[in-house]
Amino acid sequence: MNPLKVLQLGTSGPLYGAERWILALSRHLDPALIESHIAVIVDEPDKPVPLLDEAARLGMRCHSIAAPGRFNPQAISALRQLIRDEGIHVIHSHGYKADIITLLAVRVTDARTVATPHGWSRDAGWTLRFYEWLDRQSFNFFDAVAPLSPELTRGLKRSKTVAAKLQLIANGVDLSEIEQAGPAPAELVALRKNGPVIGYVGQLNARKDLSTLLRAFSQWGRVDASLVLVGDGDESASLKALARSLGIESQTHFCGFRSDRLEWMRGFDAFVLPSREEGIPRCLMEAMALGVPVIASDIPGNRDLVTHGETGQIFPVGDASLLKDAIDAVLQPKFDRPSVQRAKELIDTRHSARSMAQAYERLFQSLAN
């Protein structure tokens, strides 16, 4: 039997959580069962498309759908033609733009549809809130909806129509990437010679609440310590200004987006995720798989991974003082190192990309049949 042709559809943007998730899933789908295709709706044709670049480097089948602007109808006809030309059986879409374009494109085709919501914004402007509301309404018309976390699933069960289509498939991390990650970069090794390094990897935006991390680091008061932020985003300038005002500018290192994020993460003495909202955060799973002590805010996505005192430390959202205490706790010599091993085992056994891919293989096959 020929493998099913499954198209993963994303949108332009940096290579962050959702994009890396698409790559991890596609890498671990059995090629005897699934022929994977990666497509991106490109709204700024002159800019690079990191997801397609990385997918091509990994030898995947890649397709660029040029559609300049926020919403361009030509993406619909281009995607429909791609479905026909490649004989796509299932489209797996990610994000409100990809979801809505998918539904409009599959009309008069035989392709089946799956949407995976990666999380919702809470403090966004009205425009984004409207698009996310529209996205949730679109799920009524998909063949299946596969959220990444129990929290996302609970929210979508409010609609009886969507509830009947839900398939909770736990988020997974690419353990082969973890195994292949090299040693910590030389500049990070140099920082650790001075004292402990507290680190974060991800986008620098309001949802991540990194201002709380900066304030906690300032309150901690360790002049020999370093705070390393790997990533970029629209709060980069304001966070740098906050570091200056807190008097920790010389200790705070903004490293920008780094393709070797795992090597940086491996060199941290503790990884902190202070987010106000998450699905099931990929960066947190990666830190746990690497054996780095983790500290996370007390929100549903983080609690799905971290049990306080068992697999890491949990602190109340926005509470810099208690985050400071958690940082101090994990860096004490008496810190319970077995909790790091328990965290690693949790990811190995319950959140691997291969186990996630097997669940998606069964979903794709059931839809095609």
Protein backbone atom coordinates (compact mmCIF):
# COMPACT_ATOMS: atom_id res chain seq x y z
CA MET A 1 0.00 0.00 0.00
CA ASN A 2 1.31 3.43 -0.91
CA PRO A 3 1.94 5.83 1.99
CA LEU A 4 -0.57 8.55 2.76
CA LYS A 5 0.45 12.00 1.60
CA VAL A 6 0.17 14.43 4.52
CA LEU A 7 0.79 18.15 4.14
CA GLN A 8 1.87 20.16 7.21
CA LEU A 9 0.77 23.76 6.64
CA GLY A 10 2.33 26.61 8.60
CA THR A 11 2.85 30.35 8.21
CA SER A 12 5.90 32.59 7.96
CA GLY A 13 7.80 33.35 11.13
CA PRO A 14 10.93 32.54 13.11
CA LEU A 15 11.86 28.96 13.93
CA TYR A 16 10.22 28.79 17.35
CA GLY A 17 7.99 26.28 19.13
CA ALA A 18 5.27 25.60 16.57
CA GLU A 19 7.72 25.47 13.66
CA ARG A 20 10.07 23.11 15.49
CA TRP A 21 7.06 21.02 16.47
CA ILE A 22 6.14 20.57 12.79
CA LEU A 23 9.70 19.49 12.01
CA ALA A 24 9.85 17.06 14.95
CA LEU A 25 6.55 15.43 13.97
CA SER A 26 7.50 15.13 10.30
CA ARG A 27 10.91 13.65 11.12
CA HIS A 28 9.35 10.89 13.22
CA LEU A 29 6.44 9.86 11.03
CA ASP A 30 7.11 6.43 9.51
CA PRO A 31 7.90 7.04 5.80
CA ALA A 32 6.44 3.64 4.96
CA LEU A 33 3.09 4.93 6.22
CA ILE A 34 3.25 8.70 5.70
CA GLU A 35 4.79 10.78 2.90
CA SER A 36 5.34 14.15 4.58
CA HIS A 37 5.13 17.50 2.81
CA ILE A 38 5.85 20.89 4.42
CA ALA A 39 4.19 24.04 3.09
CA VAL A 40 4.32 27.62 4.31
CA ILE A 41 2.05 30.53 3.45
CA VAL A 42 4.62 33.22 2.69
CA ASP A 43 3.23 36.70 3.31
CA GLU A 44 6.56 38.52 2.84
CA PRO A 45 8.19 36.97 -0.26
CA ASP A 46 11.45 38.90 0.12
CA LYS A 47 12.19 37.49 3.58
CA PRO A 48 13.68 34.08 4.39
CA VAL A 49 11.36 31.29 5.51
CA PRO A 50 13.19 29.45 8.31
CA LEU A 51 10.75 26.53 8.48
CA LEU A 52 11.18 25.73 4.78
CA ASP A 53 14.94 26.26 4.95
CA GLU A 54 15.29 23.81 7.83
CA ALA A 55 12.85 21.33 6.30
CA ALA A 56 14.82 21.38 3.04
CA ARG A 57 18.06 20.84 4.97
CA LEU A 58 16.47 17.76 6.53
CA GLY A 59 15.53 16.45 3.08
CA MET A 60 11.78 17.01 3.36
CA ARG A 61 9.43 17.87 0.49
CA CYS A 62 8.87 21.62 0.68
CA HIS A 63 6.35 23.99 -0.91
CA SER A 64 6.16 27.77 -0.74
CA ILE A 65 2.75 29.40 -1.15
CA ALA A 66 3.27 33.07 -2.03
CA ALA A 67 0.48 35.23 -0.62
CA PRO A 68 1.71 38.76 0.20
CA GLY A 69 -0.18 40.61 2.92
CA ARG A 70 -2.17 39.67 6.01
CA PHE A 71 -4.79 37.68 4.11
CA ASN A 72 -4.42 37.11 0.38
CA PRO A 73 -7.06 35.03 -1.47
CA GLN A 74 -4.43 33.73 -3.89
CA ALA A 75 -3.20 31.45 -1.07
CA ILE A 76 -6.50 29.56 -1.33
CA SER A 77 -6.21 28.76 -5.03
CA ALA A 78 -2.47 28.03 -4.71
CA LEU A 79 -3.05 25.57 -1.88
CA ARG A 80 -5.92 23.92 -3.74
CA GLN A 81 -3.68 23.46 -6.77
CA LEU A 82 -0.92 22.03 -4.58
CA ILE A 83 -3.37 19.49 -3.13
CA ARG A 84 -4.31 18.38 -6.63
CA ASP A 85 -0.79 18.36 -8.06
CA GLU A 86 0.70 16.33 -5.21
CA GLY A 87 -2.33 14.14 -4.52
CA ILE A 88 -2.48 15.21 -0.85
CA HIS A 89 -4.72 13.02 1.30
CA VAL A 90 -4.61 14.95 4.60
CA ILE A 91 -3.81 18.58 5.43
CA HIS A 92 -2.57 19.24 8.97
CA SER A 93 -2.72 22.98 9.64
CA HIS A 94 -1.22 25.14 12.39
CA GLY A 95 -2.40 28.66 13.28
CA TYR A 96 -5.47 30.72 12.48
CA LYS A 97 -4.34 31.80 9.01
CA ALA A 98 -3.37 28.27 7.96
CA ASP A 99 -6.57 26.83 9.45
CA ILE A 100 -8.92 29.20 7.65
CA ILE A 101 -7.10 28.96 4.31
CA THR A 102 -7.12 25.16 4.60
CA LEU A 103 -10.90 25.03 4.99
CA LEU A 104 -11.43 27.32 2.02
CA ALA A 105 -8.93 25.44 -0.16
CA VAL A 106 -10.11 21.86 0.44
CA ARG A 107 -13.56 22.54 -0.94
CA VAL A 108 -14.05 20.50 -4.14
CA THR A 109 -11.08 18.28 -3.21
CA ASP A 110 -10.99 14.92 -1.45
CA ALA A 111 -8.41 15.97 1.16
CA ARG A 112 -9.23 15.49 4.85
CA THR A 113 -8.33 18.09 7.46
CA VAL A 114 -6.70 18.20 10.90
CA ALA A 115 -6.06 21.34 12.96
CA THR A 116 -3.65 21.49 15.90
CA PRO A 117 -4.10 24.56 18.12
CA HIS A 118 -0.81 25.40 19.84
CA GLY A 119 -2.26 27.87 22.37
CA TRP A 120 -4.19 31.12 22.66
CA SER A 121 -3.29 34.67 23.60
CA ARG A 122 -4.77 36.31 26.71
CA ASP A 123 -3.48 39.87 26.59
CA ALA A 124 -3.60 40.39 22.82
CA GLY A 125 -5.28 43.29 21.05
CA TRP A 126 -8.79 43.02 19.73
CA THR A 127 -7.65 42.15 16.18
CA LEU A 128 -5.72 39.06 17.26
CA ARG A 129 -8.48 38.07 19.67
CA PHE A 130 -10.97 38.23 16.79
CA TYR A 131 -8.80 36.05 14.54
CA GLU A 132 -8.33 33.50 17.33
CA TRP A 133 -12.09 33.48 17.98
CA LEU A 134 -12.66 32.93 14.25
CA ASP A 135 -10.11 30.11 14.33
CA ARG A 136 -11.99 28.34 17.13
CA GLN A 137 -15.21 28.63 15.12
CA SER A 138 -13.44 27.08 12.14
CA PHE A 139 -12.80 23.90 14.12
CA ASN A 140 -16.47 23.01 13.65
CA PHE A 141 -15.67 22.28 10.02
CA PHE A 142 -12.44 20.27 10.40
CA ASP A 143 -12.47 16.49 10.27
CA ALA A 144 -10.35 16.33 13.45
CA VAL A 145 -8.89 18.74 15.98
CA ALA A 146 -5.79 17.62 17.91
CA PRO A 147 -4.87 19.99 20.77
CA LEU A 148 -1.47 19.67 22.43
CA SER A 149 -2.58 19.72 26.05
CA PRO A 150 -5.44 18.78 28.39
CA GLU A 151 -6.06 22.47 29.09
CA LEU A 152 -6.59 23.28 25.41
CA THR A 153 -8.82 20.22 25.11
CA ARG A 154 -11.01 21.26 28.03
CA GLY A 155 -11.59 24.68 26.53
CA LEU A 156 -12.63 23.25 23.15
CA LYS A 157 -15.08 20.77 24.68
CA ARG A 158 -17.52 23.64 25.25
CA SER A 159 -18.62 23.21 21.65
CA LYS A 160 -20.43 19.88 21.19
CA THR A 161 -19.58 19.83 17.50
CA VAL A 162 -15.85 20.33 18.15
CA ALA A 163 -15.87 17.99 21.17
CA ALA A 164 -16.87 15.09 18.92
CA LYS A 165 -13.77 15.70 16.77
CA LEU A 166 -11.17 16.17 19.52
CA GLN A 167 -8.11 13.92 19.62
CA LEU A 168 -5.77 14.78 22.51
CA ILE A 169 -2.25 13.84 21.45
CA ALA A 170 0.42 14.78 23.98
CA ASN A 171 3.11 17.17 22.81
CA GLY A 172 6.47 15.55 22.17
CA VAL A 173 10.11 16.57 21.92
CA ASP A 174 12.64 15.28 19.40
CA LEU A 175 14.94 13.18 21.58
CA SER A 176 17.30 12.60 18.64
CA GLU A 177 18.00 16.36 18.65
CA ILE A 178 18.73 16.17 22.37
CA GLU A 179 21.13 13.27 21.85
CA GLN A 180 22.93 15.07 19.02
CA ALA A 181 23.30 18.40 20.84
CA GLY A 182 26.92 19.39 21.33
CA PRO A 183 28.69 20.93 24.32
CA ALA A 184 27.84 24.36 25.69
CA PRO A 185 29.25 27.29 23.63
CA ALA A 186 32.59 28.75 24.72
CA GLU A 187 31.07 32.10 25.71
CA LEU A 188 28.63 30.34 28.03
CA VAL A 189 31.40 28.23 29.54
CA ALA A 190 33.28 31.46 30.24
CA LEU A 191 30.27 32.92 32.07
CA ARG A 192 29.96 29.83 34.24
CA LYS A 193 33.53 30.26 35.45
CA ASN A 194 32.34 33.43 37.20
CA GLY A 195 29.25 31.89 38.79
CA PRO A 196 25.87 30.26 38.09
CA VAL A 197 23.97 30.92 34.85
CA ILE A 198 20.18 31.26 34.86
CA GLY A 199 18.76 30.87 31.37
CA TYR A 200 15.71 31.19 29.16
CA VAL A 201 15.16 30.15 25.52
CA GLY A 202 12.20 31.37 23.48
CA GLN A 203 10.42 34.45 22.21
CA LEU A 204 10.81 37.78 23.96
CA ASN A 205 7.18 38.84 24.16
CA ALA A 206 4.60 39.84 26.75
CA ARG A 207 3.14 36.34 27.01
CA LYS A 208 6.44 35.01 28.37
CA ASP A 209 6.48 37.59 31.22
CA LEU A 210 10.26 37.92 31.19
CA SER A 211 10.08 41.14 33.20
CA THR A 212 9.27 38.95 36.23
CA LEU A 213 12.41 36.91 35.56
CA LEU A 214 14.56 40.06 35.38
CA ARG A 215 13.10 41.38 38.63
CA ALA A 216 13.62 38.04 40.37
CA PHE A 217 17.23 37.91 39.20
CA SER A 218 17.76 41.45 40.48
CA GLN A 219 16.28 40.56 43.87
CA TRP A 220 18.44 37.44 44.06
CA GLY A 221 21.45 39.71 44.27
CA ARG A 222 24.17 37.27 43.23
CA VAL A 223 26.81 39.55 41.67
CA ASP A 224 28.73 36.55 40.35
CA ALA A 225 25.70 35.14 38.49
CA SER A 226 24.58 35.67 34.88
CA LEU A 227 21.15 35.79 33.26
CA VAL A 228 21.10 34.59 29.64
CA LEU A 229 18.11 35.15 27.33
CA VAL A 230 18.27 33.27 24.02
CA GLY A 231 15.67 34.45 21.52
CA ASP A 232 14.18 37.57 20.03
CA GLY A 233 10.86 39.37 19.95
CA ASP A 234 9.01 42.65 20.21
CA GLU A 235 9.89 43.13 23.91
CA SER A 236 13.66 42.96 23.35
CA ALA A 237 14.21 46.71 23.67
CA SER A 238 11.94 47.15 26.72
CA LEU A 239 13.59 44.21 28.51
CA LYS A 240 17.05 45.67 27.89
CA ALA A 241 15.83 48.98 29.32
CA LEU A 242 14.43 47.15 32.35
CA ALA A 243 17.76 45.41 32.92
CA ARG A 244 19.47 48.81 32.91
CA SER A 245 16.98 50.29 35.36
CA LEU A 246 17.37 47.30 37.70
CA GLY A 247 21.16 47.64 37.68
CA ILE A 248 21.73 44.16 36.17
CA GLU A 249 22.66 45.22 32.63
CA SER A 250 26.23 43.89 32.92
CA GLN A 251 24.96 40.53 34.19
CA THR A 252 22.15 40.13 31.63
CA HIS A 253 23.05 38.73 28.22
CA PHE A 254 20.63 39.05 25.29
CA CYS A 255 21.90 36.52 22.77
CA GLY A 256 19.21 36.83 20.09
CA PHE A 257 17.89 33.90 18.08
CA ARG A 258 20.37 31.01 18.06
CA SER A 259 20.19 27.85 15.96
CA ASP A 260 22.28 26.10 18.65
CA ARG A 261 19.68 26.76 21.36
CA LEU A 262 20.06 23.25 22.80
CA GLU A 263 23.78 23.74 23.34
CA TRP A 264 23.05 27.00 25.19
CA MET A 265 20.32 25.35 27.22
CA ARG A 266 22.62 22.47 28.16
CA GLY A 267 25.03 24.97 29.78
CA PHE A 268 22.43 26.57 32.07
CA ASP A 269 22.50 25.88 35.80
CA ALA A 270 18.74 26.41 35.79
CA PHE A 271 16.14 27.03 33.09
CA VAL A 272 13.25 29.40 33.89
CA LEU A 273 9.93 29.69 32.04
CA PRO A 274 7.89 32.51 33.65
CA SER A 275 5.06 32.52 31.07
CA ARG A 276 1.53 33.72 31.70
CA GLU A 277 0.14 31.18 29.20
CA GLU A 278 1.38 28.10 27.33
CA GLY A 279 0.15 25.00 25.55
CA ILE A 280 2.66 22.37 26.61
CA PRO A 281 5.93 24.27 26.20
CA ARG A 282 8.52 22.65 24.01
CA CYS A 283 11.42 24.57 25.54
CA LEU A 284 10.51 23.25 28.99
CA MET A 285 10.47 19.67 27.70
CA GLU A 286 13.84 20.19 26.03
CA ALA A 287 15.41 21.51 29.24
CA MET A 288 14.02 18.55 31.20
CA ALA A 289 15.29 16.08 28.60
CA LEU A 290 18.74 17.69 28.79
CA GLY A 291 18.86 17.21 32.56
CA VAL A 292 18.73 20.93 33.38
CA PRO A 293 16.86 21.90 36.58
CA VAL A 294 13.63 23.71 35.62
CA ILE A 295 11.55 26.43 37.24
CA ALA A 296 8.17 27.29 35.74
CA SER A 297 5.19 29.53 36.41
CA ASP A 298 2.06 27.96 37.86
CA ILE A 299 -0.08 27.69 34.72
CA PRO A 300 -1.82 24.65 33.16
CA GLY A 301 0.69 23.95 30.37
CA ASN A 302 3.64 24.04 32.76
CA ARG A 303 1.84 22.00 35.42
CA ASP A 304 1.28 19.25 32.86
CA LEU A 305 5.07 18.75 32.95
CA VAL A 306 6.39 20.05 36.25
CA THR A 307 5.28 18.77 39.65
CA HIS A 308 6.64 21.04 42.36
CA GLY A 309 9.42 19.33 44.26
CA GLU A 310 9.19 16.21 42.07
CA THR A 311 10.33 17.23 38.59
CA GLY A 312 11.15 20.91 39.16
CA GLN A 313 10.00 24.07 40.90
CA ILE A 314 6.70 25.94 40.40
CA PHE A 315 6.08 29.57 41.39
CA PRO A 316 2.97 31.81 41.18
CA VAL A 317 2.62 33.79 37.95
CA GLY A 318 4.22 37.22 38.17
CA ASP A 319 5.66 36.69 41.66
CA ALA A 320 9.30 37.80 41.36
CA SER A 321 10.01 37.22 45.04
CA LEU A 322 8.96 33.56 44.99
CA LEU A 323 10.72 33.04 41.67
CA LYS A 324 13.87 34.37 43.34
CA ASP A 325 13.40 31.81 46.12
CA ALA A 326 12.95 29.01 43.56
CA ILE A 327 16.17 30.00 41.77
CA ASP A 328 17.99 30.01 45.09
CA ALA A 329 16.53 26.59 45.95
CA VAL A 330 17.64 24.78 42.80
CA LEU A 331 21.18 26.14 43.10
CA GLN A 332 21.71 24.95 46.66
CA PRO A 333 24.16 22.03 47.04
CA LYS A 334 21.44 20.08 48.84
CA PHE A 335 19.00 20.45 45.92
CA ASP A 336 17.29 17.12 45.19
CA ARG A 337 19.18 16.05 42.06
CA PRO A 338 16.95 12.97 41.64
CA SER A 339 14.18 15.39 40.63
CA VAL A 340 16.24 16.23 37.54
CA GLN A 341 16.42 12.52 36.67
CA ARG A 342 12.68 12.12 37.24
CA ALA A 343 12.04 15.04 34.89
CA LYS A 344 14.24 13.46 32.23
CA GLU A 345 12.49 10.11 32.57
CA LEU A 346 9.08 11.79 32.25
CA ILE A 347 10.03 13.25 28.87
CA ASP A 348 11.68 10.03 27.68
CA THR A 349 8.65 7.87 28.47
CA ARG A 350 5.63 10.13 27.90
CA HIS A 351 6.65 13.02 25.66
CA SER A 352 8.90 11.71 22.90
CA ALA A 353 8.32 12.85 19.32
CA ARG A 354 8.17 9.24 18.16
CA SER A 355 5.27 8.33 20.46
CA MET A 356 3.52 11.54 19.37
CA ALA A 357 4.10 10.65 15.70
CA GLN A 358 2.66 7.16 16.16
CA ALA A 359 -0.54 8.67 17.51
CA TYR A 360 -0.74 11.01 14.51
CA GLU A 361 -0.11 8.11 12.12
CA ARG A 362 -3.20 6.40 13.53
CA LEU A 363 -5.22 9.61 13.26
CA PHE A 364 -4.20 10.29 9.67
CA GLN A 365 -4.97 6.70 8.65
CA SER A 366 -8.39 6.76 10.32
CA LEU A 367 -9.29 9.96 8.46
CA ALA A 368 -8.11 8.62 5.12
CA ASN A 369 -10.13 5.46 5.63
